[in-house]
Amino acid sequence: RENLRYLLLKGEELSAMYPQPGMRHMADRDVLYARMDGMADAEAFDTLQTVMASLGYHLHEKGPVHDVFTKPPFFCFEMHKRIFGQWRHFGDGKANPWEYAVPVDGYLWSLSLEHRFIYFMAHACKHYENRGCGIRLLADTYVYLKHIRQHEFDWQAVWHAFRALDMER
């Protein structure tokens, strides 16, 4: 109702790829958001903050890439204004992930399976380069690759994006 579009990032879709419900829990929900009319980040944030407050969430942390909203006892949403901030661009040199997104239902948008995988791997690289990663990332990658085998998948486009993101090594 408030003219905000949103795109789910990795969590919900990834946990659904596991063979049984409950095998993969997410500590937070990552969501990319923007105004449908292209309104500035500050105005979109004001709208988002009003919506989240009406749902019982409070702003826990405000940041340049994402803002964290929490609600007791344990709900946490990382509401992303951007996907990577200054760290990397996305895909073919374009920094705006909305250029790759398509509307699904009303205000919900989605990326192709290839672009979701590119984001997943770029996000994994960010963790590896900045803080390291563990067995959960390896398990997630295995589950994601197993899921991809069940669909037509354009590996050429993925490798092209990996080269553009300097991720092919």
C-alpha atoms as a PDB file:
ATOM      1  CA  ARG A   1       0.000   0.000   0.000  1.00  0.00           C
ATOM      2  CA  GLU A   2       2.927   2.353   0.521  1.00  0.00           C
ATOM      3  CA  ASN A   3       4.362   1.936  -2.991  1.00  0.00           C
ATOM      4  CA  LEU A   4       7.482   0.013  -1.899  1.00  0.00           C
ATOM      5  CA  ARG A   5       8.768  -2.774  -4.109  1.00  0.00           C
ATOM      6  CA  TYR A   6      10.822  -5.550  -2.547  1.00  0.00           C
ATOM      7  CA  LEU A   7      13.047  -8.422  -3.574  1.00  0.00           C
ATOM      8  CA  LEU A   8      13.926 -11.302  -1.234  1.00  0.00           C
ATOM      9  CA  LEU A   9      17.663 -11.943  -1.039  1.00  0.00           C
ATOM     10  CA  LYS A  10      18.959 -15.508  -0.565  1.00  0.00           C
ATOM     11  CA  GLY A  11      17.344 -16.515   2.735  1.00  0.00           C
ATOM     12  CA  GLU A  12      13.784 -17.571   2.059  1.00  0.00           C
ATOM     13  CA  GLU A  13      14.479 -19.118  -1.311  1.00  0.00           C
ATOM     14  CA  LEU A  14      17.625 -20.874  -0.112  1.00  0.00           C
ATOM     15  CA  SER A  15      16.025 -22.465   2.940  1.00  0.00           C
ATOM     16  CA  ALA A  16      13.218 -23.785   0.695  1.00  0.00           C
ATOM     17  CA  MET A  17      15.836 -25.599  -1.447  1.00  0.00           C
ATOM     18  CA  TYR A  18      16.869 -27.849   1.439  1.00  0.00           C
ATOM     19  CA  PRO A  19      15.356 -31.358   1.271  1.00  0.00           C
ATOM     20  CA  GLN A  20      13.275 -30.994   4.440  1.00  0.00           C
ATOM     21  CA  PRO A  21      11.657 -28.013   6.159  1.00  0.00           C
ATOM     22  CA  GLY A  22      13.634 -26.793   9.147  1.00  0.00           C
ATOM     23  CA  MET A  23      17.030 -28.018   7.913  1.00  0.00           C
ATOM     24  CA  ARG A  24      18.223 -24.444   7.308  1.00  0.00           C
ATOM     25  CA  HIS A  25      17.174 -21.571   9.532  1.00  0.00           C
ATOM     26  CA  MET A  26      18.023 -17.967   8.796  1.00  0.00           C
ATOM     27  CA  ALA A  27      19.010 -15.626  11.612  1.00  0.00           C
ATOM     28  CA  ASP A  28      17.674 -12.669   9.670  1.00  0.00           C
ATOM     29  CA  ARG A  29      15.735 -11.903   6.528  1.00  0.00           C
ATOM     30  CA  ASP A  30      17.500  -9.913   3.822  1.00  0.00           C
ATOM     31  CA  VAL A  31      15.218  -7.805   1.649  1.00  0.00           C
ATOM     32  CA  LEU A  32      16.114  -5.272  -1.033  1.00  0.00           C
ATOM     33  CA  TYR A  33      13.590  -2.453  -1.171  1.00  0.00           C
ATOM     34  CA  ALA A  34      12.927   0.693  -3.162  1.00  0.00           C
ATOM     35  CA  ARG A  35      10.042   2.952  -4.050  1.00  0.00           C
ATOM     36  CA  MET A  36       8.093   1.909  -7.128  1.00  0.00           C
ATOM     37  CA  ASP A  37       8.263   5.491  -8.393  1.00  0.00           C
ATOM     38  CA  GLY A  38      12.046   5.778  -8.016  1.00  0.00           C
ATOM     39  CA  MET A  39      11.832   8.101  -5.029  1.00  0.00           C
ATOM     40  CA  ALA A  40      15.105   8.922  -3.264  1.00  0.00           C
ATOM     41  CA  ASP A  41      16.548   6.546  -0.661  1.00  0.00           C
ATOM     42  CA  ALA A  42      15.797   8.919   2.222  1.00  0.00           C
ATOM     43  CA  GLU A  43      12.109   9.139   1.325  1.00  0.00           C
ATOM     44  CA  ALA A  44      11.879   5.403   0.741  1.00  0.00           C
ATOM     45  CA  PHE A  45      13.491   4.836   4.154  1.00  0.00           C
ATOM     46  CA  ASP A  46      10.963   7.140   5.847  1.00  0.00           C
ATOM     47  CA  THR A  47       8.140   5.152   4.261  1.00  0.00           C
ATOM     48  CA  LEU A  48       9.761   1.853   5.233  1.00  0.00           C
ATOM     49  CA  GLN A  49      10.330   2.980   8.813  1.00  0.00           C
ATOM     50  CA  THR A  50       6.655   3.932   9.125  1.00  0.00           C
ATOM     51  CA  VAL A  51       5.578   0.536   7.745  1.00  0.00           C
ATOM     52  CA  MET A  52       7.953  -1.413   9.997  1.00  0.00           C
ATOM     53  CA  ALA A  53       6.898   0.574  13.085  1.00  0.00           C
ATOM     54  CA  SER A  54       3.244  -0.160  12.306  1.00  0.00           C
ATOM     55  CA  LEU A  55       4.179  -3.873  12.355  1.00  0.00           C
ATOM     56  CA  GLY A  56       5.910  -3.596  15.743  1.00  0.00           C
ATOM     57  CA  TYR A  57       9.529  -3.391  14.521  1.00  0.00           C
ATOM     58  CA  HIS A  58      12.034  -0.811  15.699  1.00  0.00           C
ATOM     59  CA  LEU A  59      15.143   0.439  13.962  1.00  0.00           C
ATOM     60  CA  HIS A  60      18.078  -1.351  15.553  1.00  0.00           C
ATOM     61  CA  GLU A  61      20.847  -0.079  13.273  1.00  0.00           C
ATOM     62  CA  LYS A  62      20.996   2.297  10.319  1.00  0.00           C
ATOM     63  CA  GLY A  63      23.743   1.745   7.764  1.00  0.00           C
ATOM     64  CA  PRO A  64      24.873   2.770   4.293  1.00  0.00           C
ATOM     65  CA  VAL A  65      23.878  -0.540   2.669  1.00  0.00           C
ATOM     66  CA  HIS A  66      21.115  -1.879   4.896  1.00  0.00           C
ATOM     67  CA  ASP A  67      19.053  -0.937   7.920  1.00  0.00           C
ATOM     68  CA  VAL A  68      18.279  -3.507  10.595  1.00  0.00           C
ATOM     69  CA  PHE A  69      14.786  -3.729  12.072  1.00  0.00           C
ATOM     70  CA  THR A  70      14.077  -6.032  15.012  1.00  0.00           C
ATOM     71  CA  LYS A  71      11.024  -7.185  16.913  1.00  0.00           C
ATOM     72  CA  PRO A  72      11.025  -9.291  20.074  1.00  0.00           C
ATOM     73  CA  PRO A  73      11.517 -12.087  20.683  1.00  0.00           C
ATOM     74  CA  PHE A  74      13.869 -12.777  17.739  1.00  0.00           C
ATOM     75  CA  PHE A  75      12.660 -11.315  14.438  1.00  0.00           C
ATOM     76  CA  CYS A  76      15.245  -9.440  12.382  1.00  0.00           C
ATOM     77  CA  PHE A  77      15.016  -7.885   8.929  1.00  0.00           C
ATOM     78  CA  GLU A  78      17.983  -6.418   7.083  1.00  0.00           C
ATOM     79  CA  MET A  79      16.320  -3.988   4.703  1.00  0.00           C
ATOM     80  CA  HIS A  80      18.811  -3.309   1.916  1.00  0.00           C
ATOM     81  CA  LYS A  81      18.937  -0.059  -0.029  1.00  0.00           C
ATOM     82  CA  ARG A  82      21.716  -1.588  -2.121  1.00  0.00           C
ATOM     83  CA  ILE A  83      23.070  -5.072  -2.485  1.00  0.00           C
ATOM     84  CA  PHE A  84      26.794  -4.506  -2.030  1.00  0.00           C
ATOM     85  CA  GLY A  85      27.477  -0.849  -1.355  1.00  0.00           C
ATOM     86  CA  GLN A  86      30.956   0.072  -2.515  1.00  0.00           C
ATOM     87  CA  TRP A  87      32.216  -3.515  -2.440  1.00  0.00           C
ATOM     88  CA  ARG A  88      31.161  -4.702  -5.906  1.00  0.00           C
ATOM     89  CA  HIS A  89      28.867  -3.960  -8.786  1.00  0.00           C
ATOM     90  CA  PHE A  90      26.299  -6.497  -9.927  1.00  0.00           C
ATOM     91  CA  GLY A  91      26.493  -8.492 -13.136  1.00  0.00           C
ATOM     92  CA  ASP A  92      27.429  -6.833 -16.422  1.00  0.00           C
ATOM     93  CA  GLY A  93      28.919  -3.749 -14.804  1.00  0.00           C
ATOM     94  CA  LYS A  94      25.520  -2.445 -13.710  1.00  0.00           C
ATOM     95  CA  ALA A  95      25.322  -1.438 -10.068  1.00  0.00           C
ATOM     96  CA  ASN A  96      21.523  -1.443  -9.890  1.00  0.00           C
ATOM     97  CA  PRO A  97      20.038  -4.924  -9.267  1.00  0.00           C
ATOM     98  CA  TRP A  98      16.562  -3.640 -10.170  1.00  0.00           C
ATOM     99  CA  GLU A  99      17.781  -3.631 -13.796  1.00  0.00           C
ATOM    100  CA  TYR A 100      17.851  -7.437 -13.550  1.00  0.00           C
ATOM    101  CA  ALA A 101      14.632  -7.837 -11.566  1.00  0.00           C
ATOM    102  CA  VAL A 102      11.121  -8.501 -12.829  1.00  0.00           C
ATOM    103  CA  PRO A 103       7.804  -8.001 -11.043  1.00  0.00           C
ATOM    104  CA  VAL A 104       6.248 -11.207  -9.758  1.00  0.00           C
ATOM    105  CA  ASP A 105       3.136 -10.272  -7.831  1.00  0.00           C
ATOM    106  CA  GLY A 106       2.188  -6.706  -6.985  1.00  0.00           C
ATOM    107  CA  TYR A 107       5.181  -5.248  -5.199  1.00  0.00           C
ATOM    108  CA  LEU A 108       7.211  -8.488  -5.001  1.00  0.00           C
ATOM    109  CA  TRP A 109      10.052  -8.664  -7.521  1.00  0.00           C
ATOM    110  CA  SER A 110      12.474 -11.468  -8.347  1.00  0.00           C
ATOM    111  CA  LEU A 111      15.750 -12.170 -10.110  1.00  0.00           C
ATOM    112  CA  SER A 112      16.340 -14.966 -12.603  1.00  0.00           C
ATOM    113  CA  LEU A 113      17.819 -18.163 -11.213  1.00  0.00           C
ATOM    114  CA  GLU A 114      21.165 -17.131 -12.736  1.00  0.00           C
ATOM    115  CA  HIS A 115      21.163 -13.692 -11.100  1.00  0.00           C
ATOM    116  CA  ARG A 116      20.098 -15.155  -7.754  1.00  0.00           C
ATOM    117  CA  PHE A 117      23.076 -17.534  -7.990  1.00  0.00           C
ATOM    118  CA  ILE A 118      25.420 -14.674  -8.954  1.00  0.00           C
ATOM    119  CA  TYR A 119      24.199 -12.697  -5.935  1.00  0.00           C
ATOM    120  CA  PHE A 120      24.540 -15.754  -3.676  1.00  0.00           C
ATOM    121  CA  MET A 121      28.129 -16.365  -4.767  1.00  0.00           C
ATOM    122  CA  ALA A 122      29.070 -12.659  -4.595  1.00  0.00           C
ATOM    123  CA  HIS A 123      27.611 -12.528  -1.086  1.00  0.00           C
ATOM    124  CA  ALA A 124      29.627 -15.629  -0.186  1.00  0.00           C
ATOM    125  CA  CYS A 125      32.800 -13.988  -1.573  1.00  0.00           C
ATOM    126  CA  LYS A 126      32.117 -10.910   0.531  1.00  0.00           C
ATOM    127  CA  HIS A 127      31.902 -13.040   3.668  1.00  0.00           C
ATOM    128  CA  TYR A 128      34.993 -15.023   2.719  1.00  0.00           C
ATOM    129  CA  GLU A 129      37.062 -11.891   2.009  1.00  0.00           C
ATOM    130  CA  ASN A 130      35.860  -9.901   5.026  1.00  0.00           C
ATOM    131  CA  ARG A 131      35.163 -12.320   7.869  1.00  0.00           C
ATOM    132  CA  GLY A 132      35.654 -15.816   6.587  1.00  0.00           C
ATOM    133  CA  CYS A 133      33.056 -18.512   6.123  1.00  0.00           C
ATOM    134  CA  GLY A 134      32.285 -21.961   7.400  1.00  0.00           C
ATOM    135  CA  ILE A 135      30.476 -25.206   6.810  1.00  0.00           C
ATOM    136  CA  ARG A 136      27.077 -23.501   6.439  1.00  0.00           C
ATOM    137  CA  LEU A 137      28.267 -21.705   3.289  1.00  0.00           C
ATOM    138  CA  LEU A 138      29.561 -24.968   1.840  1.00  0.00           C
ATOM    139  CA  ALA A 139      26.266 -26.717   2.600  1.00  0.00           C
ATOM    140  CA  ASP A 140      24.297 -23.814   1.097  1.00  0.00           C
ATOM    141  CA  THR A 141      26.434 -23.927  -2.059  1.00  0.00           C
ATOM    142  CA  TYR A 142      25.907 -27.677  -2.402  1.00  0.00           C
ATOM    143  CA  VAL A 143      22.137 -27.296  -1.989  1.00  0.00           C
ATOM    144  CA  TYR A 144      22.033 -24.404  -4.462  1.00  0.00           C
ATOM    145  CA  LEU A 145      24.043 -26.316  -7.108  1.00  0.00           C
ATOM    146  CA  LYS A 146      21.817 -29.371  -6.644  1.00  0.00           C
ATOM    147  CA  HIS A 147      18.761 -27.126  -7.156  1.00  0.00           C
ATOM    148  CA  ILE A 148      20.253 -25.584 -10.309  1.00  0.00           C
ATOM    149  CA  ARG A 149      20.680 -29.014 -11.918  1.00  0.00           C
ATOM    150  CA  GLN A 150      16.894 -29.375 -11.917  1.00  0.00           C
ATOM    151  CA  HIS A 151      16.459 -26.282 -14.137  1.00  0.00           C
ATOM    152  CA  GLU A 152      17.747 -24.895 -17.384  1.00  0.00           C
ATOM    153  CA  PHE A 153      20.623 -22.679 -16.391  1.00  0.00           C
ATOM    154  CA  ASP A 154      22.770 -20.288 -18.424  1.00  0.00           C
ATOM    155  CA  TRP A 155      26.268 -20.968 -17.109  1.00  0.00           C
ATOM    156  CA  GLN A 156      27.778 -18.776 -19.819  1.00  0.00           C
ATOM    157  CA  ALA A 157      25.949 -15.712 -18.455  1.00  0.00           C
ATOM    158  CA  VAL A 158      26.977 -16.639 -14.907  1.00  0.00           C
ATOM    159  CA  TRP A 159      30.668 -16.954 -15.813  1.00  0.00           C
ATOM    160  CA  HIS A 160      30.464 -13.675 -17.727  1.00  0.00           C
ATOM    161  CA  ALA A 161      29.164 -11.984 -14.566  1.00  0.00           C
ATOM    162  CA  PHE A 162      31.786 -13.708 -12.418  1.00  0.00           C
ATOM    163  CA  ARG A 163      34.502 -12.285 -14.694  1.00  0.00           C
ATOM    164  CA  ALA A 164      32.944  -8.806 -14.495  1.00  0.00           C
ATOM    165  CA  LEU A 165      32.875  -9.114 -10.701  1.00  0.00           C
ATOM    166  CA  ASP A 166      36.449 -10.446 -10.599  1.00  0.00           C
ATOM    167  CA  MET A 167      35.149 -13.678  -9.042  1.00  0.00           C
ATOM    168  CA  GLU A 168      36.251 -16.350 -11.497  1.00  0.00           C
ATOM    169  CA  ARG A 169      39.402 -17.365  -9.655  1.00  0.00           C
END
